[in-house]
Amino acid sequence: MIPRFAVYLFDIDGTLLDSARDICGAVQEVIVANGSREREFAYLKSFVGLHLIDLFQDVFPQFDAAQIDALIKQYRANYLGRCHRETRLFPGAKEALAALGGRKSTATTKGTPTTRAVLTQFGLIEYFDHVQGTDGIPYKPAPDVIHAAMTALGAQPQDCLMVGDSTADMAAGKAAGVKTCAVRYGYGNQRQMALLEPDYWVDDLRALV
C-alpha cells in the first residue's frame, strides 16, 4: 500500500503523457535539417526526460553552446508545430489525478509555458495546484525543479511524493529528500531505476489512489 501524501509531484513525459512520438519526431526533424542522418526511435526515446542539451551534444559533439542553443530553439518550434498529434494520455492518468487527494504540481524538464499548454490540451490542468517546469534552473537529475515546486506550494520534503519514469526523476527526488515512486510503463530503464531504490513502484497511476 502506498500511503497518502499531502503533495504529489509529477513528471510529464513517460508518466502522464505518452509523448515520445511527438518529441522524437521533432528532434529527428532538427537532426536531419542540420545535416546529420536520421536516428533510430529507440535511441531518441532513451533521452526523453533528460535535457535536450544531452541529446544534441551526443549527435553534434562538434557544436558549441550557441549552436546547441539554436538547435533547442528549432526543436521547440517543431514540437509546438506538431500540436501533440501523436501524444496520448497513459491509461489511468486522468482518472488517478481526478481521484487523488492532496495538492499536485508538475516537476518536469519541459518549460513551464509548454507544460501548462500541454496539460490544458489534454484536460489535466484543472487537477494541478501549481505548474512547475525547468525555467533557467538546473534540470533533473538535479533537484532544483522539485525544490521550486515545493517552495511554490509551501511544502516540506516529508510531505511529498515524486512520481516519474526515469532515473533522472528518481535521482532528483532522492536529492530533494522526498519519497519517490517509479512507474513501470514509461520510457526509463527499470533496471537502472531499481539501483536508485525508489520507495514505491506502480504499473498504473490509479494505484496511488
N, C-alpha and C. Protein backbone atom coordinates (compact mmCIF):
# COMPACT_ATOMS: atom_id res chain seq x y z
N MET A 1 0.84 -1.20 0.00
CA MET A 1 0.00 0.00 0.00
C MET A 1 0.87 1.25 0.00
N ILE A 2 0.50 2.20 -0.81
CA ILE A 2 1.21 3.48 -0.84
C ILE A 2 0.44 4.44 0.06
N PRO A 3 1.08 5.03 1.06
CA PRO A 3 0.37 5.95 1.95
C PRO A 3 -0.04 7.21 1.21
N ARG A 4 -0.92 7.96 1.82
CA ARG A 4 -1.32 9.24 1.25
C ARG A 4 -0.27 10.30 1.53
N PHE A 5 -0.12 11.20 0.58
CA PHE A 5 0.82 12.30 0.74
C PHE A 5 0.07 13.61 0.62
N ALA A 6 0.62 14.65 1.25
CA ALA A 6 -0.02 15.96 1.16
C ALA A 6 0.23 16.61 -0.20
N VAL A 7 1.37 16.25 -0.83
CA VAL A 7 1.76 16.85 -2.10
C VAL A 7 2.30 15.77 -3.04
N TYR A 8 1.83 15.80 -4.28
CA TYR A 8 2.30 14.88 -5.31
C TYR A 8 2.95 15.69 -6.43
N LEU A 9 4.16 15.29 -6.80
CA LEU A 9 4.92 15.96 -7.85
C LEU A 9 5.06 15.00 -9.03
N PHE A 10 4.62 15.43 -10.21
CA PHE A 10 4.56 14.54 -11.35
C PHE A 10 5.50 14.97 -12.48
N ASP A 11 6.26 14.01 -12.97
CA ASP A 11 6.90 14.15 -14.26
C ASP A 11 5.78 14.12 -15.32
N ILE A 12 6.07 14.58 -16.52
CA ILE A 12 5.05 14.62 -17.58
C ILE A 12 5.27 13.53 -18.63
N ASP A 13 6.35 13.64 -19.38
CA ASP A 13 6.59 12.72 -20.50
C ASP A 13 7.02 11.35 -19.99
N GLY A 14 6.24 10.33 -20.35
CA GLY A 14 6.52 8.99 -19.89
C GLY A 14 5.83 8.64 -18.59
N THR A 15 5.19 9.62 -17.97
CA THR A 15 4.48 9.40 -16.70
C THR A 15 2.99 9.68 -16.85
N LEU A 16 2.65 10.88 -17.30
CA LEU A 16 1.25 11.22 -17.57
C LEU A 16 0.93 11.09 -19.05
N LEU A 17 1.87 11.47 -19.90
CA LEU A 17 1.63 11.50 -21.34
C LEU A 17 2.59 10.59 -22.09
N ASP A 18 2.04 9.82 -23.01
CA ASP A 18 2.83 9.02 -23.93
C ASP A 18 3.15 9.92 -25.13
N SER A 19 4.21 10.68 -24.99
CA SER A 19 4.52 11.77 -25.92
C SER A 19 5.77 11.53 -26.75
N ALA A 20 6.34 10.34 -26.65
CA ALA A 20 7.63 10.09 -27.29
C ALA A 20 7.59 10.28 -28.80
N ARG A 21 6.48 9.93 -29.46
CA ARG A 21 6.41 10.06 -30.91
C ARG A 21 6.54 11.51 -31.35
N ASP A 22 5.90 12.42 -30.62
CA ASP A 22 6.00 13.83 -30.97
C ASP A 22 7.36 14.40 -30.61
N ILE A 23 7.87 14.06 -29.44
CA ILE A 23 9.18 14.56 -29.03
C ILE A 23 10.27 14.08 -29.99
N CYS A 24 10.28 12.78 -30.23
CA CYS A 24 11.33 12.21 -31.09
C CYS A 24 11.16 12.66 -32.54
N GLY A 25 9.92 12.84 -32.99
CA GLY A 25 9.69 13.33 -34.33
C GLY A 25 10.23 14.73 -34.52
N ALA A 26 10.01 15.60 -33.52
CA ALA A 26 10.52 16.97 -33.59
C ALA A 26 12.04 17.00 -33.55
N VAL A 27 12.63 16.13 -32.73
CA VAL A 27 14.10 16.04 -32.66
C VAL A 27 14.66 15.56 -33.99
N GLN A 28 14.02 14.53 -34.55
CA GLN A 28 14.51 13.98 -35.82
C GLN A 28 14.54 15.04 -36.91
N GLU A 29 13.52 15.89 -36.94
CA GLU A 29 13.46 16.96 -37.93
C GLU A 29 14.66 17.90 -37.79
N VAL A 30 15.02 18.21 -36.55
CA VAL A 30 16.16 19.10 -36.30
C VAL A 30 17.46 18.43 -36.73
N ILE A 31 17.62 17.17 -36.38
CA ILE A 31 18.85 16.45 -36.71
C ILE A 31 19.07 16.43 -38.22
N VAL A 32 18.05 16.07 -38.97
CA VAL A 32 18.16 15.97 -40.43
C VAL A 32 18.38 17.35 -41.05
N ALA A 33 17.65 18.35 -40.54
CA ALA A 33 17.77 19.70 -41.09
C ALA A 33 19.15 20.30 -40.88
N ASN A 34 19.88 19.77 -39.93
CA ASN A 34 21.21 20.29 -39.64
C ASN A 34 22.33 19.37 -40.15
N GLY A 35 21.97 18.52 -41.10
CA GLY A 35 22.99 17.80 -41.84
C GLY A 35 23.41 16.45 -41.32
N SER A 36 22.72 15.93 -40.32
CA SER A 36 23.08 14.61 -39.82
C SER A 36 22.05 13.57 -40.29
N ARG A 37 22.38 12.30 -40.11
CA ARG A 37 21.49 11.23 -40.55
C ARG A 37 20.37 11.02 -39.53
N GLU A 38 19.31 10.39 -39.97
CA GLU A 38 18.22 10.04 -39.05
C GLU A 38 18.72 9.06 -37.98
N ARG A 39 18.16 9.18 -36.79
CA ARG A 39 18.49 8.26 -35.70
C ARG A 39 17.30 7.35 -35.42
N GLU A 40 17.58 6.18 -34.88
CA GLU A 40 16.53 5.23 -34.56
C GLU A 40 15.65 5.78 -33.44
N PHE A 41 14.37 5.42 -33.49
CA PHE A 41 13.41 5.89 -32.49
C PHE A 41 13.85 5.49 -31.09
N ALA A 42 14.34 4.24 -30.93
CA ALA A 42 14.73 3.77 -29.60
C ALA A 42 15.86 4.62 -29.02
N TYR A 43 16.78 5.03 -29.87
CA TYR A 43 17.88 5.89 -29.41
C TYR A 43 17.34 7.23 -28.95
N LEU A 44 16.49 7.85 -29.76
CA LEU A 44 15.95 9.16 -29.41
C LEU A 44 15.09 9.07 -28.14
N LYS A 45 14.31 8.00 -28.03
CA LYS A 45 13.43 7.85 -26.87
C LYS A 45 14.22 7.71 -25.57
N SER A 46 15.42 7.17 -25.66
CA SER A 46 16.23 6.98 -24.45
C SER A 46 16.62 8.31 -23.80
N PHE A 47 16.48 9.41 -24.54
CA PHE A 47 16.81 10.73 -23.99
C PHE A 47 15.58 11.46 -23.46
N VAL A 48 14.38 10.93 -23.66
CA VAL A 48 13.17 11.60 -23.17
C VAL A 48 13.25 11.70 -21.65
N GLY A 49 13.00 12.89 -21.14
CA GLY A 49 13.10 13.13 -19.70
C GLY A 49 14.40 13.81 -19.31
N LEU A 50 15.41 13.71 -20.19
CA LEU A 50 16.65 14.45 -19.99
C LEU A 50 16.57 15.77 -20.75
N HIS A 51 17.53 16.63 -20.52
CA HIS A 51 17.51 17.90 -21.24
C HIS A 51 17.96 17.69 -22.67
N LEU A 52 17.42 18.51 -23.56
CA LEU A 52 17.79 18.42 -24.98
C LEU A 52 19.27 18.66 -25.21
N ILE A 53 19.92 19.37 -24.31
CA ILE A 53 21.36 19.59 -24.44
C ILE A 53 22.09 18.25 -24.53
N ASP A 54 21.69 17.30 -23.68
CA ASP A 54 22.36 16.00 -23.66
C ASP A 54 22.25 15.29 -25.00
N LEU A 55 21.07 15.31 -25.57
CA LEU A 55 20.84 14.64 -26.85
C LEU A 55 21.59 15.32 -27.99
N PHE A 56 21.46 16.62 -28.08
CA PHE A 56 22.08 17.32 -29.21
C PHE A 56 23.61 17.33 -29.10
N GLN A 57 24.15 17.32 -27.90
CA GLN A 57 25.59 17.22 -27.75
C GLN A 57 26.09 15.84 -28.19
N ASP A 58 25.26 14.83 -27.96
CA ASP A 58 25.63 13.48 -28.38
C ASP A 58 25.62 13.36 -29.90
N VAL A 59 24.66 13.98 -30.54
CA VAL A 59 24.53 13.91 -32.00
C VAL A 59 25.52 14.85 -32.69
N PHE A 60 25.71 16.02 -32.11
CA PHE A 60 26.58 17.05 -32.72
C PHE A 60 27.70 17.44 -31.75
N PRO A 61 28.64 16.53 -31.48
CA PRO A 61 29.69 16.84 -30.50
C PRO A 61 30.58 18.01 -30.90
N GLN A 62 30.58 18.35 -32.18
CA GLN A 62 31.42 19.45 -32.66
C GLN A 62 30.77 20.81 -32.46
N PHE A 63 29.51 20.87 -32.08
CA PHE A 63 28.80 22.13 -31.93
C PHE A 63 29.15 22.80 -30.61
N ASP A 64 29.22 24.13 -30.64
CA ASP A 64 29.45 24.88 -29.41
C ASP A 64 28.11 25.19 -28.73
N ALA A 65 28.18 25.87 -27.59
CA ALA A 65 26.98 26.13 -26.80
C ALA A 65 25.94 26.93 -27.56
N ALA A 66 26.39 27.92 -28.33
CA ALA A 66 25.45 28.75 -29.09
C ALA A 66 24.74 27.93 -30.17
N GLN A 67 25.46 27.03 -30.81
CA GLN A 67 24.84 26.19 -31.83
C GLN A 67 23.85 25.20 -31.22
N ILE A 68 24.19 24.65 -30.07
CA ILE A 68 23.27 23.74 -29.38
C ILE A 68 22.00 24.48 -28.98
N ASP A 69 22.17 25.71 -28.50
CA ASP A 69 21.02 26.52 -28.12
C ASP A 69 20.12 26.78 -29.33
N ALA A 70 20.71 27.00 -30.48
CA ALA A 70 19.94 27.21 -31.71
C ALA A 70 19.15 25.95 -32.07
N LEU A 71 19.75 24.77 -31.88
CA LEU A 71 19.05 23.52 -32.14
C LEU A 71 17.85 23.36 -31.21
N ILE A 72 18.03 23.73 -29.97
CA ILE A 72 16.94 23.62 -29.00
C ILE A 72 15.78 24.53 -29.40
N LYS A 73 16.08 25.72 -29.86
CA LYS A 73 15.03 26.64 -30.31
C LYS A 73 14.30 26.07 -31.53
N GLN A 74 15.05 25.44 -32.45
CA GLN A 74 14.41 24.79 -33.60
C GLN A 74 13.49 23.67 -33.14
N TYR A 75 13.98 22.88 -32.19
CA TYR A 75 13.16 21.78 -31.66
C TYR A 75 11.85 22.30 -31.07
N ARG A 76 11.94 23.32 -30.26
CA ARG A 76 10.74 23.83 -29.59
C ARG A 76 9.71 24.30 -30.60
N ALA A 77 10.15 24.95 -31.66
CA ALA A 77 9.23 25.38 -32.71
C ALA A 77 8.61 24.17 -33.41
N ASN A 78 9.43 23.17 -33.71
CA ASN A 78 8.93 21.96 -34.37
C ASN A 78 7.94 21.22 -33.48
N TYR A 79 8.30 21.10 -32.19
CA TYR A 79 7.45 20.36 -31.25
C TYR A 79 6.08 21.01 -31.12
N LEU A 80 6.06 22.31 -30.93
CA LEU A 80 4.77 23.00 -30.81
C LEU A 80 3.98 22.92 -32.12
N GLY A 81 4.69 22.95 -33.24
CA GLY A 81 4.04 22.86 -34.53
C GLY A 81 3.36 21.52 -34.79
N ARG A 82 3.79 20.49 -34.08
CA ARG A 82 3.16 19.17 -34.24
C ARG A 82 1.82 19.09 -33.53
N CYS A 83 1.56 20.05 -32.64
CA CYS A 83 0.27 20.14 -31.91
C CYS A 83 -0.06 18.86 -31.15
N HIS A 84 0.98 18.14 -30.74
CA HIS A 84 0.81 16.93 -29.93
C HIS A 84 -0.08 15.89 -30.61
N ARG A 85 -0.04 15.84 -31.93
CA ARG A 85 -0.97 14.97 -32.66
C ARG A 85 -0.71 13.48 -32.44
N GLU A 86 0.51 13.11 -32.01
CA GLU A 86 0.80 11.71 -31.76
C GLU A 86 0.95 11.41 -30.27
N THR A 87 0.52 12.34 -29.44
CA THR A 87 0.61 12.19 -27.98
C THR A 87 -0.72 11.69 -27.43
N ARG A 88 -0.62 10.80 -26.45
CA ARG A 88 -1.81 10.25 -25.81
C ARG A 88 -1.62 10.23 -24.30
N LEU A 89 -2.73 10.29 -23.58
CA LEU A 89 -2.68 10.07 -22.14
C LEU A 89 -2.40 8.60 -21.87
N PHE A 90 -1.58 8.33 -20.86
CA PHE A 90 -1.43 6.95 -20.44
C PHE A 90 -2.71 6.49 -19.75
N PRO A 91 -3.09 5.22 -19.93
CA PRO A 91 -4.31 4.71 -19.28
C PRO A 91 -4.28 4.96 -17.78
N GLY A 92 -5.36 5.49 -17.26
CA GLY A 92 -5.49 5.72 -15.83
C GLY A 92 -4.94 7.03 -15.33
N ALA A 93 -4.21 7.78 -16.18
CA ALA A 93 -3.58 9.01 -15.69
C ALA A 93 -4.60 10.05 -15.26
N LYS A 94 -5.56 10.31 -16.12
CA LYS A 94 -6.55 11.34 -15.79
C LYS A 94 -7.42 10.91 -14.62
N GLU A 95 -7.80 9.64 -14.62
CA GLU A 95 -8.64 9.13 -13.52
C GLU A 95 -7.91 9.22 -12.19
N ALA A 96 -6.62 8.92 -12.20
CA ALA A 96 -5.83 8.99 -10.96
C ALA A 96 -5.74 10.42 -10.45
N LEU A 97 -5.45 11.37 -11.34
CA LEU A 97 -5.35 12.77 -10.92
C LEU A 97 -6.68 13.27 -10.36
N ALA A 98 -7.77 12.85 -10.98
CA ALA A 98 -9.09 13.31 -10.54
C ALA A 98 -9.44 12.77 -9.16
N ALA A 99 -8.99 11.55 -8.86
CA ALA A 99 -9.38 10.91 -7.60
C ALA A 99 -8.38 11.11 -6.47
N LEU A 100 -7.17 11.51 -6.82
CA LEU A 100 -6.10 11.60 -5.83
C LEU A 100 -6.27 12.84 -4.97
N GLY A 101 -6.20 12.65 -3.67
CA GLY A 101 -6.26 13.79 -2.75
C GLY A 101 -4.93 14.51 -2.70
N GLY A 102 -4.85 15.53 -1.87
CA GLY A 102 -3.61 16.28 -1.74
C GLY A 102 -3.45 17.31 -2.85
N ARG A 103 -2.40 18.11 -2.73
CA ARG A 103 -2.10 19.10 -3.76
C ARG A 103 -1.13 18.50 -4.77
N LYS A 104 -1.12 19.06 -5.97
CA LYS A 104 -0.33 18.48 -7.04
C LYS A 104 0.41 19.57 -7.81
N SER A 105 1.62 19.21 -8.22
CA SER A 105 2.42 20.07 -9.08
C SER A 105 3.15 19.19 -10.09
N THR A 106 3.54 19.78 -11.19
CA THR A 106 4.44 19.11 -12.10
C THR A 106 5.88 19.36 -11.64
N ALA A 107 6.78 18.51 -12.08
CA ALA A 107 8.21 18.70 -11.86
C ALA A 107 8.88 18.10 -13.10
N THR A 108 8.95 18.90 -14.15
CA THR A 108 9.31 18.39 -15.47
C THR A 108 10.46 19.17 -16.08
N THR A 109 11.12 18.53 -17.05
CA THR A 109 12.19 19.20 -17.79
C THR A 109 11.63 20.16 -18.83
N LYS A 110 10.36 20.01 -19.19
CA LYS A 110 9.72 20.97 -20.10
C LYS A 110 9.72 22.36 -19.46
N GLY A 111 9.68 23.39 -20.29
CA GLY A 111 9.47 24.73 -19.76
C GLY A 111 8.06 24.88 -19.22
N THR A 112 7.86 25.79 -18.29
CA THR A 112 6.55 25.96 -17.67
C THR A 112 5.46 26.34 -18.68
N PRO A 113 5.68 27.28 -19.60
CA PRO A 113 4.61 27.61 -20.56
C PRO A 113 4.19 26.41 -21.41
N THR A 114 5.16 25.62 -21.88
CA THR A 114 4.83 24.44 -22.67
C THR A 114 4.08 23.42 -21.83
N THR A 115 4.51 23.26 -20.59
CA THR A 115 3.84 22.31 -19.69
C THR A 115 2.39 22.71 -19.46
N ARG A 116 2.18 23.98 -19.21
CA ARG A 116 0.81 24.46 -18.98
C ARG A 116 -0.06 24.25 -20.22
N ALA A 117 0.52 24.50 -21.39
CA ALA A 117 -0.25 24.34 -22.63
C ALA A 117 -0.63 22.89 -22.88
N VAL A 118 0.30 21.97 -22.65
CA VAL A 118 0.00 20.55 -22.93
C VAL A 118 -0.97 19.99 -21.89
N LEU A 119 -0.86 20.42 -20.65
CA LEU A 119 -1.82 19.98 -19.63
C LEU A 119 -3.23 20.48 -19.96
N THR A 120 -3.31 21.69 -20.48
CA THR A 120 -4.60 22.24 -20.87
C THR A 120 -5.18 21.46 -22.04
N GLN A 121 -4.36 21.18 -23.05
CA GLN A 121 -4.84 20.47 -24.23
C GLN A 121 -5.39 19.09 -23.88
N PHE A 122 -4.78 18.43 -22.91
CA PHE A 122 -5.20 17.07 -22.57
C PHE A 122 -6.14 17.02 -21.36
N GLY A 123 -6.66 18.17 -20.97
CA GLY A 123 -7.67 18.19 -19.92
C GLY A 123 -7.17 17.86 -18.53
N LEU A 124 -5.90 18.15 -18.25
CA LEU A 124 -5.33 17.82 -16.95
C LEU A 124 -5.06 19.04 -16.07
N ILE A 125 -5.10 20.23 -16.65
CA ILE A 125 -4.67 21.42 -15.93
C ILE A 125 -5.50 21.66 -14.67
N GLU A 126 -6.76 21.28 -14.69
CA GLU A 126 -7.64 21.55 -13.55
C GLU A 126 -7.25 20.76 -12.31
N TYR A 127 -6.45 19.71 -12.48
CA TYR A 127 -6.08 18.87 -11.34
C TYR A 127 -4.80 19.35 -10.66
N PHE A 128 -4.17 20.39 -11.19
CA PHE A 128 -2.90 20.84 -10.63
C PHE A 128 -3.04 22.17 -9.91
N ASP A 129 -2.45 22.21 -8.72
CA ASP A 129 -2.43 23.43 -7.94
C ASP A 129 -1.29 24.35 -8.38
N HIS A 130 -0.29 23.75 -9.01
CA HIS A 130 0.87 24.52 -9.47
C HIS A 130 1.48 23.80 -10.67
N VAL A 131 2.01 24.56 -11.59
CA VAL A 131 2.72 24.01 -12.75
C VAL A 131 4.16 24.49 -12.69
N GLN A 132 5.08 23.54 -12.57
CA GLN A 132 6.50 23.88 -12.45
C GLN A 132 7.30 23.20 -13.54
N GLY A 133 7.94 24.01 -14.38
CA GLY A 133 8.84 23.49 -15.38
C GLY A 133 10.26 23.91 -15.07
N THR A 134 11.17 23.57 -15.98
CA THR A 134 12.58 23.89 -15.79
C THR A 134 12.88 25.18 -16.54
N ASP A 135 12.81 26.29 -15.83
CA ASP A 135 12.98 27.62 -16.42
C ASP A 135 14.23 28.28 -15.85
N GLY A 136 15.35 28.16 -16.56
CA GLY A 136 16.57 28.81 -16.12
C GLY A 136 17.18 28.22 -14.86
N ILE A 137 16.83 26.99 -14.54
CA ILE A 137 17.40 26.31 -13.38
C ILE A 137 17.96 24.97 -13.83
N PRO A 138 18.87 24.38 -13.05
CA PRO A 138 19.41 23.07 -13.43
C PRO A 138 18.28 22.03 -13.57
N TYR A 139 18.43 21.18 -14.55
CA TYR A 139 17.40 20.19 -14.83
C TYR A 139 17.68 18.86 -14.14
N LYS A 140 16.65 18.03 -14.02
CA LYS A 140 16.82 16.72 -13.41
C LYS A 140 17.93 15.95 -14.13
N PRO A 141 18.79 15.25 -13.39
CA PRO A 141 18.63 14.76 -12.02
C PRO A 141 18.94 15.74 -10.89
N ALA A 142 19.28 16.98 -11.20
CA ALA A 142 19.38 17.98 -10.13
C ALA A 142 18.00 18.17 -9.50
N PRO A 143 17.93 18.49 -8.22
CA PRO A 143 16.64 18.57 -7.53
C PRO A 143 15.94 19.92 -7.66
N ASP A 144 16.50 20.84 -8.43
CA ASP A 144 16.02 22.23 -8.41
C ASP A 144 14.55 22.38 -8.78
N VAL A 145 14.07 21.64 -9.78
CA VAL A 145 12.67 21.79 -10.18
C VAL A 145 11.74 21.30 -9.08
N ILE A 146 12.17 20.29 -8.34
CA ILE A 146 11.38 19.81 -7.19
C ILE A 146 11.39 20.85 -6.08
N HIS A 147 12.55 21.42 -5.80
CA HIS A 147 12.62 22.48 -4.79
C HIS A 147 11.73 23.65 -5.16
N ALA A 148 11.72 24.02 -6.45
CA ALA A 148 10.89 25.15 -6.89
C ALA A 148 9.41 24.85 -6.69
N ALA A 149 9.00 23.63 -7.01
CA ALA A 149 7.60 23.24 -6.83
C ALA A 149 7.22 23.24 -5.35
N MET A 150 8.10 22.71 -4.51
CA MET A 150 7.82 22.69 -3.07
C MET A 150 7.72 24.10 -2.50
N THR A 151 8.61 24.96 -2.94
CA THR A 151 8.57 26.35 -2.47
C THR A 151 7.24 27.01 -2.86
N ALA A 152 6.82 26.79 -4.09
CA ALA A 152 5.57 27.39 -4.56
C ALA A 152 4.37 26.91 -3.76
N LEU A 153 4.43 25.67 -3.31
CA LEU A 153 3.30 25.10 -2.56
C LEU A 153 3.48 25.20 -1.05
N GLY A 154 4.62 25.73 -0.62
CA GLY A 154 4.88 25.82 0.81
C GLY A 154 4.99 24.47 1.47
N ALA A 155 5.56 23.50 0.74
CA ALA A 155 5.63 22.12 1.23
C ALA A 155 7.02 21.78 1.74
N GLN A 156 7.08 20.81 2.64
CA GLN A 156 8.32 20.27 3.14
C GLN A 156 8.60 18.92 2.48
N PRO A 157 9.85 18.49 2.40
CA PRO A 157 10.16 17.22 1.73
C PRO A 157 9.36 16.03 2.24
N GLN A 158 9.15 15.96 3.54
CA GLN A 158 8.42 14.82 4.10
C GLN A 158 6.95 14.78 3.67
N ASP A 159 6.46 15.88 3.11
CA ASP A 159 5.07 15.95 2.65
C ASP A 159 4.90 15.37 1.26
N CYS A 160 5.99 15.13 0.52
CA CYS A 160 5.91 14.99 -0.94
C CYS A 160 6.27 13.61 -1.46
N LEU A 161 5.63 13.27 -2.57
CA LEU A 161 5.96 12.08 -3.35
C LEU A 161 6.25 12.51 -4.78
N MET A 162 7.43 12.18 -5.29
CA MET A 162 7.80 12.44 -6.68
C MET A 162 7.48 11.21 -7.50
N VAL A 163 6.69 11.38 -8.56
CA VAL A 163 6.26 10.27 -9.41
C VAL A 163 6.86 10.45 -10.80
N GLY A 164 7.62 9.47 -11.26
CA GLY A 164 8.25 9.60 -12.57
C GLY A 164 8.64 8.27 -13.16
N ASP A 165 9.20 8.33 -14.37
CA ASP A 165 9.50 7.10 -15.11
C ASP A 165 10.98 6.94 -15.43
N SER A 166 11.84 7.77 -14.87
CA SER A 166 13.24 7.74 -15.28
C SER A 166 14.19 7.80 -14.09
N THR A 167 15.44 7.46 -14.37
CA THR A 167 16.46 7.59 -13.33
C THR A 167 16.63 9.05 -12.92
N ALA A 168 16.45 9.96 -13.87
CA ALA A 168 16.57 11.39 -13.53
C ALA A 168 15.51 11.79 -12.51
N ASP A 169 14.30 11.27 -12.67
CA ASP A 169 13.23 11.57 -11.71
C ASP A 169 13.55 11.03 -10.33
N MET A 170 14.02 9.78 -10.30
CA MET A 170 14.32 9.15 -9.02
C MET A 170 15.51 9.84 -8.34
N ALA A 171 16.55 10.16 -9.11
CA ALA A 171 17.72 10.82 -8.54
C ALA A 171 17.38 12.21 -8.02
N ALA A 172 16.56 12.93 -8.78
CA ALA A 172 16.15 14.27 -8.35
C ALA A 172 15.34 14.19 -7.06
N GLY A 173 14.43 13.23 -7.01
CA GLY A 173 13.63 13.05 -5.80
C GLY A 173 14.47 12.74 -4.59
N LYS A 174 15.42 11.82 -4.76
CA LYS A 174 16.31 11.46 -3.65
C LYS A 174 17.11 12.68 -3.20
N ALA A 175 17.63 13.44 -4.17
CA ALA A 175 18.44 14.61 -3.83
C ALA A 175 17.63 15.68 -3.10
N ALA A 176 16.34 15.73 -3.41
CA ALA A 176 15.46 16.72 -2.77
C ALA A 176 14.94 16.24 -1.42
N GLY A 177 15.18 14.97 -1.10
CA GLY A 177 14.74 14.44 0.18
C GLY A 177 13.28 14.04 0.24
N VAL A 178 12.64 13.84 -0.94
CA VAL A 178 11.24 13.43 -0.97
C VAL A 178 11.16 11.93 -1.26
N LYS A 179 10.00 11.34 -0.98
CA LYS A 179 9.76 9.95 -1.35
C LYS A 179 9.60 9.86 -2.87
N THR A 180 9.94 8.71 -3.42
CA THR A 180 9.88 8.54 -4.87
C THR A 180 9.03 7.35 -5.26
N CYS A 181 8.35 7.49 -6.39
CA CYS A 181 7.53 6.41 -6.93
C CYS A 181 7.87 6.26 -8.42
N ALA A 182 8.32 5.08 -8.81
CA ALA A 182 8.68 4.81 -10.21
C ALA A 182 7.52 4.12 -10.91
N VAL A 183 7.20 4.57 -12.11
CA VAL A 183 6.19 3.90 -12.93
C VAL A 183 6.90 2.93 -13.88
N ARG A 184 6.32 1.76 -14.07
CA ARG A 184 6.95 0.72 -14.89
C ARG A 184 6.63 0.83 -16.37
N TYR A 185 5.66 1.66 -16.74
CA TYR A 185 5.19 1.68 -18.12
C TYR A 185 5.84 2.78 -18.97
N GLY A 186 6.69 3.59 -18.38
CA GLY A 186 7.23 4.75 -19.09
C GLY A 186 8.44 4.42 -19.95
N TYR A 187 9.31 5.41 -20.12
CA TYR A 187 10.42 5.29 -21.06
C TYR A 187 11.74 4.93 -20.37
N GLY A 188 11.77 4.96 -19.06
CA GLY A 188 13.02 4.74 -18.34
C GLY A 188 13.44 3.28 -18.29
N ASN A 189 14.70 3.08 -18.00
CA ASN A 189 15.27 1.74 -17.84
C ASN A 189 14.98 1.27 -16.41
N GLN A 190 14.16 0.24 -16.28
CA GLN A 190 13.74 -0.20 -14.95
C GLN A 190 14.91 -0.73 -14.12
N ARG A 191 15.85 -1.40 -14.75
CA ARG A 191 16.99 -1.92 -14.02
C ARG A 191 17.80 -0.77 -13.42
N GLN A 192 18.01 0.26 -14.21
CA GLN A 192 18.76 1.41 -13.71
C GLN A 192 17.98 2.16 -12.65
N MET A 193 16.66 2.26 -12.81
CA MET A 193 15.85 2.92 -11.78
C MET A 193 15.92 2.15 -10.47
N ALA A 194 15.90 0.81 -10.56
CA ALA A 194 15.93 -0.01 -9.35
C ALA A 194 17.19 0.22 -8.53
N LEU A 195 18.29 0.53 -9.20
CA LEU A 195 19.54 0.81 -8.50
C LEU A 195 19.42 2.02 -7.59
N LEU A 196 18.48 2.91 -7.92
CA LEU A 196 18.26 4.11 -7.11
C LEU A 196 17.24 3.89 -5.99
N GLU A 197 16.73 2.66 -5.92
CA GLU A 197 15.84 2.23 -4.83
C GLU A 197 14.64 3.16 -4.62
N PRO A 198 13.76 3.26 -5.63
CA PRO A 198 12.52 4.03 -5.41
C PRO A 198 11.76 3.49 -4.20
N ASP A 199 11.06 4.37 -3.53
CA ASP A 199 10.29 3.93 -2.36
C ASP A 199 9.09 3.09 -2.76
N TYR A 200 8.55 3.38 -3.95
CA TYR A 200 7.36 2.65 -4.43
C TYR A 200 7.48 2.44 -5.94
N TRP A 201 6.77 1.41 -6.42
CA TRP A 201 6.63 1.14 -7.86
C TRP A 201 5.15 0.99 -8.17
N VAL A 202 4.71 1.47 -9.33
CA VAL A 202 3.33 1.24 -9.76
C VAL A 202 3.30 0.88 -11.25
N ASP A 203 2.32 0.08 -11.62
CA ASP A 203 2.07 -0.24 -13.03
C ASP A 203 1.02 0.66 -13.64
N ASP A 204 0.29 1.37 -12.79
CA ASP A 204 -0.83 2.23 -13.20
C ASP A 204 -0.95 3.31 -12.13
N LEU A 205 -1.13 4.56 -12.55
CA LEU A 205 -1.20 5.66 -11.59
C LEU A 205 -2.39 5.54 -10.64
N ARG A 206 -3.39 4.78 -11.03
CA ARG A 206 -4.53 4.62 -10.14
C ARG A 206 -4.16 3.87 -8.87
N ALA A 207 -3.01 3.22 -8.87
CA ALA A 207 -2.54 2.56 -7.64
C ALA A 207 -2.15 3.57 -6.55
N LEU A 208 -1.97 4.84 -6.93
CA LEU A 208 -1.68 5.88 -5.94
C LEU A 208 -2.90 6.24 -5.10
N VAL A 209 -4.07 6.00 -5.66
CA VAL A 209 -5.31 6.47 -5.01
C VAL A 209 -5.66 5.55 -3.85
